[in-house]
All heavy atoms as atom14 arrays in JSON, in Angstrom:
{
  "sequence": "VQAAPVRVASPSSTAAMAAPVARLIAPAAPPAGDS",
  "atom14_mask": [
    [1, 1, 1, 1, 1, 1, 1, 0, 0, 0, 0, 0, 0, 0],
    [1, 1, 1, 1, 1, 1, 1, 1, 1, 0, 0, 0, 0, 0],
    [1, 1, 1, 1, 1, 0, 0, 0, 0, 0, 0, 0, 0, 0],
    [1, 1, 1, 1, 1, 0, 0, 0, 0, 0, 0, 0, 0, 0],
    [1, 1, 1, 1, 1, 1, 1, 0, 0, 0, 0, 0, 0, 0],
    [1, 1, 1, 1, 1, 1, 1, 0, 0, 0, 0, 0, 0, 0],
    [1, 1, 1, 1, 1, 1, 1, 1, 1, 1, 1, 0, 0, 0],
    [1, 1, 1, 1, 1, 1, 1, 0, 0, 0, 0, 0, 0, 0],
    [1, 1, 1, 1, 1, 0, 0, 0, 0, 0, 0, 0, 0, 0],
    [1, 1, 1, 1, 1, 1, 0, 0, 0, 0, 0, 0, 0, 0],
    [1, 1, 1, 1, 1, 1, 1, 0, 0, 0, 0, 0, 0, 0],
    [1, 1, 1, 1, 1, 1, 0, 0, 0, 0, 0, 0, 0, 0],
    [1, 1, 1, 1, 1, 1, 0, 0, 0, 0, 0, 0, 0, 0],
    [1, 1, 1, 1, 1, 1, 1, 0, 0, 0, 0, 0, 0, 0],
    [1, 1, 1, 1, 1, 0, 0, 0, 0, 0, 0, 0, 0, 0],
    [1, 1, 1, 1, 1, 0, 0, 0, 0, 0, 0, 0, 0, 0],
    [1, 1, 1, 1, 1, 1, 1, 1, 0, 0, 0, 0, 0, 0],
    [1, 1, 1, 1, 1, 0, 0, 0, 0, 0, 0, 0, 0, 0],
    [1, 1, 1, 1, 1, 0, 0, 0, 0, 0, 0, 0, 0, 0],
    [1, 1, 1, 1, 1, 1, 1, 0, 0, 0, 0, 0, 0, 0],
    [1, 1, 1, 1, 1, 1, 1, 0, 0, 0, 0, 0, 0, 0],
    [1, 1, 1, 1, 1, 0, 0, 0, 0, 0, 0, 0, 0, 0],
    [1, 1, 1, 1, 1, 1, 1, 1, 1, 1, 1, 0, 0, 0],
    [1, 1, 1, 1, 1, 1, 1, 1, 0, 0, 0, 0, 0, 0],
    [1, 1, 1, 1, 1, 1, 1, 1, 0, 0, 0, 0, 0, 0],
    [1, 1, 1, 1, 1, 0, 0, 0, 0, 0, 0, 0, 0, 0],
    [1, 1, 1, 1, 1, 1, 1, 0, 0, 0, 0, 0, 0, 0],
    [1, 1, 1, 1, 1, 0, 0, 0, 0, 0, 0, 0, 0, 0],
    [1, 1, 1, 1, 1, 0, 0, 0, 0, 0, 0, 0, 0, 0],
    [1, 1, 1, 1, 1, 1, 1, 0, 0, 0, 0, 0, 0, 0],
    [1, 1, 1, 1, 1, 1, 1, 0, 0, 0, 0, 0, 0, 0],
    [1, 1, 1, 1, 1, 0, 0, 0, 0, 0, 0, 0, 0, 0],
    [1, 1, 1, 1, 0, 0, 0, 0, 0, 0, 0, 0, 0, 0],
    [1, 1, 1, 1, 1, 1, 1, 1, 0, 0, 0, 0, 0, 0],
    [1, 1, 1, 1, 1, 1, 0, 0, 0, 0, 0, 0, 0, 0]
  ],
  "atom14_positions": [
    [[-15.64, 40.77, 0.44], [-15.8, 40.72, 1.89], [-14.94, 39.59, 2.42], [-14.9, 38.51, 1.85], [-17.27, 40.46, 2.28], [-17.41, 40.38, 3.79], [-18.16, 41.56, 1.73], [0.0, 0.0, 0.0], [0.0, 0.0, 0.0], [0.0, 0.0, 0.0], [0.0, 0.0, 0.0], [0.0, 0.0, 0.0], [0.0, 0.0, 0.0], [0.0, 0.0, 0.0]],
    [[-14.22, 39.85, 3.49], [-13.4, 38.81, 4.08], [-14.28, 37.64, 4.52], [-15.33, 37.83, 5.12], [-12.63, 39.35, 5.28], [-11.68, 38.31, 5.88], [-10.87, 38.91, 7.01], [-10.92, 40.1, 7.23], [-10.12, 38.08, 7.71], [0.0, 0.0, 0.0], [0.0, 0.0, 0.0], [0.0, 0.0, 0.0], [0.0, 0.0, 0.0], [0.0, 0.0, 0.0]],
    [[-13.83, 36.45, 4.2], [-14.65, 35.27, 4.49], [-14.84, 35.08, 5.98], [-13.91, 35.27, 6.77], [-13.98, 34.02, 3.9], [0.0, 0.0, 0.0], [0.0, 0.0, 0.0], [0.0, 0.0, 0.0], [0.0, 0.0, 0.0], [0.0, 0.0, 0.0], [0.0, 0.0, 0.0], [0.0, 0.0, 0.0], [0.0, 0.0, 0.0], [0.0, 0.0, 0.0]],
    [[-16.06, 34.7, 6.36], [-16.35, 34.43, 7.76], [-15.91, 33.02, 8.09], [-15.75, 32.18, 7.21], [-17.86, 34.55, 8.0], [0.0, 0.0, 0.0], [0.0, 0.0, 0.0], [0.0, 0.0, 0.0], [0.0, 0.0, 0.0], [0.0, 0.0, 0.0], [0.0, 0.0, 0.0], [0.0, 0.0, 0.0], [0.0, 0.0, 0.0], [0.0, 0.0, 0.0]],
    [[-15.71, 32.72, 9.37], [-15.4, 31.34, 9.76], [-16.49, 30.41, 9.25], [-17.68, 30.69, 9.4], [-15.38, 31.4, 11.29], [-15.08, 32.83, 11.6], [-15.72, 33.64, 10.52], [0.0, 0.0, 0.0], [0.0, 0.0, 0.0], [0.0, 0.0, 0.0], [0.0, 0.0, 0.0], [0.0, 0.0, 0.0], [0.0, 0.0, 0.0], [0.0, 0.0, 0.0]],
    [[-16.09, 29.32, 8.63], [-17.04, 28.4, 8.04], [-17.71, 27.58, 9.13], [-17.05, 27.0, 9.99], [-16.33, 27.45, 7.04], [-17.31, 26.43, 6.51], [-15.74, 28.27, 5.91], [0.0, 0.0, 0.0], [0.0, 0.0, 0.0], [0.0, 0.0, 0.0], [0.0, 0.0, 0.0], [0.0, 0.0, 0.0], [0.0, 0.0, 0.0], [0.0, 0.0, 0.0]],
    [[-19.04, 27.55, 9.11], [-19.79, 26.75, 10.06], [-19.71, 25.3, 9.65], [-20.04, 24.95, 8.53], [-21.25, 27.21, 10.09], [-22.09, 26.47, 11.07], [-23.56, 26.8, 10.9], [-23.82, 28.21, 11.15], [-24.18, 29.04, 10.2], [-24.32, 28.65, 8.97], [-24.42, 30.31, 10.5], [0.0, 0.0, 0.0], [0.0, 0.0, 0.0], [0.0, 0.0, 0.0]],
    [[-19.23, 24.44, 10.51], [-19.13, 23.02, 10.21], [-20.39, 22.33, 10.7], [-20.58, 22.1, 11.88], [-17.89, 22.39, 10.88], [-17.79, 20.92, 10.51], [-16.64, 23.14, 10.47], [0.0, 0.0, 0.0], [0.0, 0.0, 0.0], [0.0, 0.0, 0.0], [0.0, 0.0, 0.0], [0.0, 0.0, 0.0], [0.0, 0.0, 0.0], [0.0, 0.0, 0.0]],
    [[-21.29, 22.05, 9.76], [-22.57, 21.45, 10.12], [-22.47, 19.94, 9.96], [-22.86, 19.37, 8.95], [-23.68, 22.01, 9.24], [0.0, 0.0, 0.0], [0.0, 0.0, 0.0], [0.0, 0.0, 0.0], [0.0, 0.0, 0.0], [0.0, 0.0, 0.0], [0.0, 0.0, 0.0], [0.0, 0.0, 0.0], [0.0, 0.0, 0.0], [0.0, 0.0, 0.0]],
    [[-21.87, 19.27, 10.92], [-21.7, 17.83, 10.83], [-23.05, 17.13, 10.85], [-23.93, 17.48, 11.63], [-20.86, 17.34, 12.02], [-20.87, 15.92, 12.05], [0.0, 0.0, 0.0], [0.0, 0.0, 0.0], [0.0, 0.0, 0.0], [0.0, 0.0, 0.0], [0.0, 0.0, 0.0], [0.0, 0.0, 0.0], [0.0, 0.0, 0.0], [0.0, 0.0, 0.0]],
    [[-23.22, 16.11, 9.98], [-24.5, 15.41, 9.97], [-24.67, 14.47, 11.14], [-25.74, 13.95, 11.38], [-24.45, 14.66, 8.64], [-23.01, 14.39, 8.41], [-22.31, 15.62, 8.95], [0.0, 0.0, 0.0], [0.0, 0.0, 0.0], [0.0, 0.0, 0.0], [0.0, 0.0, 0.0], [0.0, 0.0, 0.0], [0.0, 0.0, 0.0], [0.0, 0.0, 0.0]],
    [[-23.6, 14.19, 11.86], [-23.73, 13.29, 13.0], [-24.55, 13.96, 14.09], [-24.5, 15.17, 14.3], [-22.35, 12.93, 13.53], [-21.67, 14.08, 13.94], [0.0, 0.0, 0.0], [0.0, 0.0, 0.0], [0.0, 0.0, 0.0], [0.0, 0.0, 0.0], [0.0, 0.0, 0.0], [0.0, 0.0, 0.0], [0.0, 0.0, 0.0], [0.0, 0.0, 0.0]],
    [[-25.31, 13.18, 14.8], [-26.23, 13.73, 15.81], [-25.48, 14.11, 17.07], [-24.62, 13.41, 17.55], [-27.29, 12.69, 16.16], [-28.11, 12.44, 15.04], [0.0, 0.0, 0.0], [0.0, 0.0, 0.0], [0.0, 0.0, 0.0], [0.0, 0.0, 0.0], [0.0, 0.0, 0.0], [0.0, 0.0, 0.0], [0.0, 0.0, 0.0], [0.0, 0.0, 0.0]],
    [[-25.85, 15.3, 17.57], [-25.43, 15.72, 18.89], [-26.69, 16.13, 19.62], [-27.76, 16.2, 19.04], [-24.45, 16.91, 18.82], [-25.14, 18.01, 18.24], [-23.22, 16.58, 17.98], [0.0, 0.0, 0.0], [0.0, 0.0, 0.0], [0.0, 0.0, 0.0], [0.0, 0.0, 0.0], [0.0, 0.0, 0.0], [0.0, 0.0, 0.0], [0.0, 0.0, 0.0]],
    [[-26.57, 16.42, 20.89], [-27.77, 16.79, 21.64], [-28.43, 18.02, 21.05], [-29.64, 18.12, 20.97], [-27.41, 17.03, 23.1], [0.0, 0.0, 0.0], [0.0, 0.0, 0.0], [0.0, 0.0, 0.0], [0.0, 0.0, 0.0], [0.0, 0.0, 0.0], [0.0, 0.0, 0.0], [0.0, 0.0, 0.0], [0.0, 0.0, 0.0], [0.0, 0.0, 0.0]],
    [[-27.6, 18.99, 20.59], [-28.18, 20.23, 20.06], [-28.81, 20.01, 18.7], [-29.87, 20.54, 18.41], [-27.09, 21.3, 19.97], [0.0, 0.0, 0.0], [0.0, 0.0, 0.0], [0.0, 0.0, 0.0], [0.0, 0.0, 0.0], [0.0, 0.0, 0.0], [0.0, 0.0, 0.0], [0.0, 0.0, 0.0], [0.0, 0.0, 0.0], [0.0, 0.0, 0.0]],
    [[-28.14, 19.21, 17.83], [-28.62, 19.06, 16.47], [-29.67, 17.97, 16.35], [-30.44, 17.95, 15.4], [-27.46, 18.78, 15.52], [-26.47, 19.92, 15.43], [-25.32, 19.73, 14.08], [-26.38, 19.92, 12.66], [0.0, 0.0, 0.0], [0.0, 0.0, 0.0], [0.0, 0.0, 0.0], [0.0, 0.0, 0.0], [0.0, 0.0, 0.0], [0.0, 0.0, 0.0]],
    [[-29.7, 17.04, 17.28], [-30.67, 15.96, 17.19], [-32.08, 16.48, 17.38], [-33.03, 15.92, 16.85], [-30.37, 14.89, 18.22], [0.0, 0.0, 0.0], [0.0, 0.0, 0.0], [0.0, 0.0, 0.0], [0.0, 0.0, 0.0], [0.0, 0.0, 0.0], [0.0, 0.0, 0.0], [0.0, 0.0, 0.0], [0.0, 0.0, 0.0], [0.0, 0.0, 0.0]],
    [[-32.23, 17.56, 18.12], [-33.57, 18.1, 18.38], [-33.54, 19.62, 18.32], [-33.65, 20.3, 19.32], [-34.06, 17.64, 19.75], [0.0, 0.0, 0.0], [0.0, 0.0, 0.0], [0.0, 0.0, 0.0], [0.0, 0.0, 0.0], [0.0, 0.0, 0.0], [0.0, 0.0, 0.0], [0.0, 0.0, 0.0], [0.0, 0.0, 0.0], [0.0, 0.0, 0.0]],
    [[-33.33, 20.18, 17.09], [-33.24, 21.63, 16.98], [-34.56, 22.33, 17.24], [-34.59, 23.53, 17.46], [-32.79, 21.85, 15.53], [-33.24, 20.61, 14.81], [-33.15, 19.5, 15.81], [0.0, 0.0, 0.0], [0.0, 0.0, 0.0], [0.0, 0.0, 0.0], [0.0, 0.0, 0.0], [0.0, 0.0, 0.0], [0.0, 0.0, 0.0], [0.0, 0.0, 0.0]],
    [[-35.68, 21.62, 17.18], [-36.96, 22.19, 17.58], [-37.61, 21.23, 18.56], [-37.61, 20.03, 18.37], [-37.88, 22.43, 16.37], [-37.48, 23.66, 15.61], [-37.92, 21.23, 15.44], [0.0, 0.0, 0.0], [0.0, 0.0, 0.0], [0.0, 0.0, 0.0], [0.0, 0.0, 0.0], [0.0, 0.0, 0.0], [0.0, 0.0, 0.0], [0.0, 0.0, 0.0]],
    [[-38.14, 21.77, 19.62], [-38.71, 20.92, 20.65], [-40.03, 20.31, 20.2], [-40.43, 19.25, 20.66], [-38.92, 21.73, 21.93], [0.0, 0.0, 0.0], [0.0, 0.0, 0.0], [0.0, 0.0, 0.0], [0.0, 0.0, 0.0], [0.0, 0.0, 0.0], [0.0, 0.0, 0.0], [0.0, 0.0, 0.0], [0.0, 0.0, 0.0], [0.0, 0.0, 0.0]],
    [[-40.73, 20.97, 19.3], [-42.02, 20.46, 18.85], [-42.24, 20.89, 17.41], [-41.64, 21.84, 16.91], [-43.14, 21.02, 19.73], [-43.21, 22.52, 19.77], [-44.2, 23.04, 20.79], [-44.15, 24.47, 20.89], [-44.84, 25.31, 20.12], [-45.59, 24.82, 19.14], [-44.76, 26.62, 20.29], [0.0, 0.0, 0.0], [0.0, 0.0, 0.0], [0.0, 0.0, 0.0]],
    [[-43.11, 20.16, 16.73], [-43.44, 20.49, 15.35], [-44.4, 21.66, 15.33], [-45.45, 21.62, 15.98], [-44.07, 19.27, 14.67], [-44.41, 19.43, 13.19], [-43.15, 19.72, 12.38], [-45.09, 18.17, 12.68], [0.0, 0.0, 0.0], [0.0, 0.0, 0.0], [0.0, 0.0, 0.0], [0.0, 0.0, 0.0], [0.0, 0.0, 0.0], [0.0, 0.0, 0.0]],
    [[-44.05, 22.72, 14.62], [-44.87, 23.92, 14.55], [-45.58, 23.93, 13.2], [-44.94, 24.01, 12.15], [-44.01, 25.18, 14.72], [-43.29, 25.14, 16.07], [-44.86, 26.44, 14.6], [-42.32, 26.28, 16.28], [0.0, 0.0, 0.0], [0.0, 0.0, 0.0], [0.0, 0.0, 0.0], [0.0, 0.0, 0.0], [0.0, 0.0, 0.0], [0.0, 0.0, 0.0]],
    [[-46.9, 23.83, 13.24], [-47.68, 23.84, 12.01], [-47.84, 25.27, 11.5], [-47.95, 26.21, 12.29], [-49.05, 23.21, 12.25], [0.0, 0.0, 0.0], [0.0, 0.0, 0.0], [0.0, 0.0, 0.0], [0.0, 0.0, 0.0], [0.0, 0.0, 0.0], [0.0, 0.0, 0.0], [0.0, 0.0, 0.0], [0.0, 0.0, 0.0], [0.0, 0.0, 0.0]],
    [[-47.84, 25.46, 10.19], [-48.0, 26.82, 9.65], [-49.4, 27.35, 9.89], [-50.4, 26.64, 9.73], [-47.72, 26.64, 8.16], [-48.04, 25.21, 7.88], [-47.67, 24.46, 9.12], [0.0, 0.0, 0.0], [0.0, 0.0, 0.0], [0.0, 0.0, 0.0], [0.0, 0.0, 0.0], [0.0, 0.0, 0.0], [0.0, 0.0, 0.0], [0.0, 0.0, 0.0]],
    [[-49.49, 28.6, 10.28], [-50.78, 29.27, 10.45], [-51.19, 29.92, 9.14], [-50.36, 30.12, 8.24], [-50.69, 30.32, 11.55], [0.0, 0.0, 0.0], [0.0, 0.0, 0.0], [0.0, 0.0, 0.0], [0.0, 0.0, 0.0], [0.0, 0.0, 0.0], [0.0, 0.0, 0.0], [0.0, 0.0, 0.0], [0.0, 0.0, 0.0], [0.0, 0.0, 0.0]],
    [[-52.44, 30.25, 9.01], [-52.91, 30.94, 7.81], [-52.22, 32.3, 7.73], [-52.23, 33.06, 8.7], [-54.42, 31.11, 7.85], [0.0, 0.0, 0.0], [0.0, 0.0, 0.0], [0.0, 0.0, 0.0], [0.0, 0.0, 0.0], [0.0, 0.0, 0.0], [0.0, 0.0, 0.0], [0.0, 0.0, 0.0], [0.0, 0.0, 0.0], [0.0, 0.0, 0.0]],
    [[-51.6, 32.63, 6.58], [-50.93, 33.93, 6.47], [-51.93, 35.07, 6.5], [-53.09, 34.91, 6.1], [-50.22, 33.83, 5.11], [-51.01, 32.84, 4.34], [-51.51, 31.84, 5.34], [0.0, 0.0, 0.0], [0.0, 0.0, 0.0], [0.0, 0.0, 0.0], [0.0, 0.0, 0.0], [0.0, 0.0, 0.0], [0.0, 0.0, 0.0], [0.0, 0.0, 0.0]],
    [[-51.52, 36.24, 6.98], [-52.43, 37.39, 7.0], [-52.8, 37.82, 5.59], [-52.06, 37.6, 4.64], [-51.62, 38.47, 7.73], [-50.19, 38.05, 7.58], [-50.19, 36.57, 7.54], [0.0, 0.0, 0.0], [0.0, 0.0, 0.0], [0.0, 0.0, 0.0], [0.0, 0.0, 0.0], [0.0, 0.0, 0.0], [0.0, 0.0, 0.0], [0.0, 0.0, 0.0]],
    [[-53.95, 38.44, 5.46], [-54.4, 38.93, 4.16], [-53.41, 39.95, 3.6], [-52.88, 40.79, 4.34], [-55.79, 39.56, 4.29], [0.0, 0.0, 0.0], [0.0, 0.0, 0.0], [0.0, 0.0, 0.0], [0.0, 0.0, 0.0], [0.0, 0.0, 0.0], [0.0, 0.0, 0.0], [0.0, 0.0, 0.0], [0.0, 0.0, 0.0], [0.0, 0.0, 0.0]],
    [[-53.16, 39.87, 2.31], [-52.25, 40.81, 1.68], [-50.79, 40.57, 2.0], [-49.95, 41.46, 1.81], [0.0, 0.0, 0.0], [0.0, 0.0, 0.0], [0.0, 0.0, 0.0], [0.0, 0.0, 0.0], [0.0, 0.0, 0.0], [0.0, 0.0, 0.0], [0.0, 0.0, 0.0], [0.0, 0.0, 0.0], [0.0, 0.0, 0.0], [0.0, 0.0, 0.0]],
    [[-50.45, 39.38, 2.49], [-49.07, 39.08, 2.86], [-48.19, 39.05, 1.61], [-48.64, 38.69, 0.52], [-49.01, 37.73, 3.57], [-47.83, 37.63, 4.51], [-47.27, 38.68, 4.89], [-47.47, 36.5, 4.9], [0.0, 0.0, 0.0], [0.0, 0.0, 0.0], [0.0, 0.0, 0.0], [0.0, 0.0, 0.0], [0.0, 0.0, 0.0], [0.0, 0.0, 0.0]],
    [[-46.94, 39.41, 1.77], [-45.99, 39.41, 0.67], [-44.58, 39.3, 1.23], [-44.35, 39.49, 2.43], [-46.1, 40.68, -0.17], [-45.63, 41.8, 0.55], [0.0, 0.0, 0.0], [0.0, 0.0, 0.0], [0.0, 0.0, 0.0], [0.0, 0.0, 0.0], [0.0, 0.0, 0.0], [0.0, 0.0, 0.0], [0.0, 0.0, 0.0], [0.0, 0.0, 0.0]]
  ]
}
């Protein structure tokens, strides 16, 4: 497969990367029989 443009994930903080989630989301109990 032809290579896709490489995503440059710079570790330096930007407004978008400094806060990729607005709040911490705690995991909920998984449904019964989940797989």
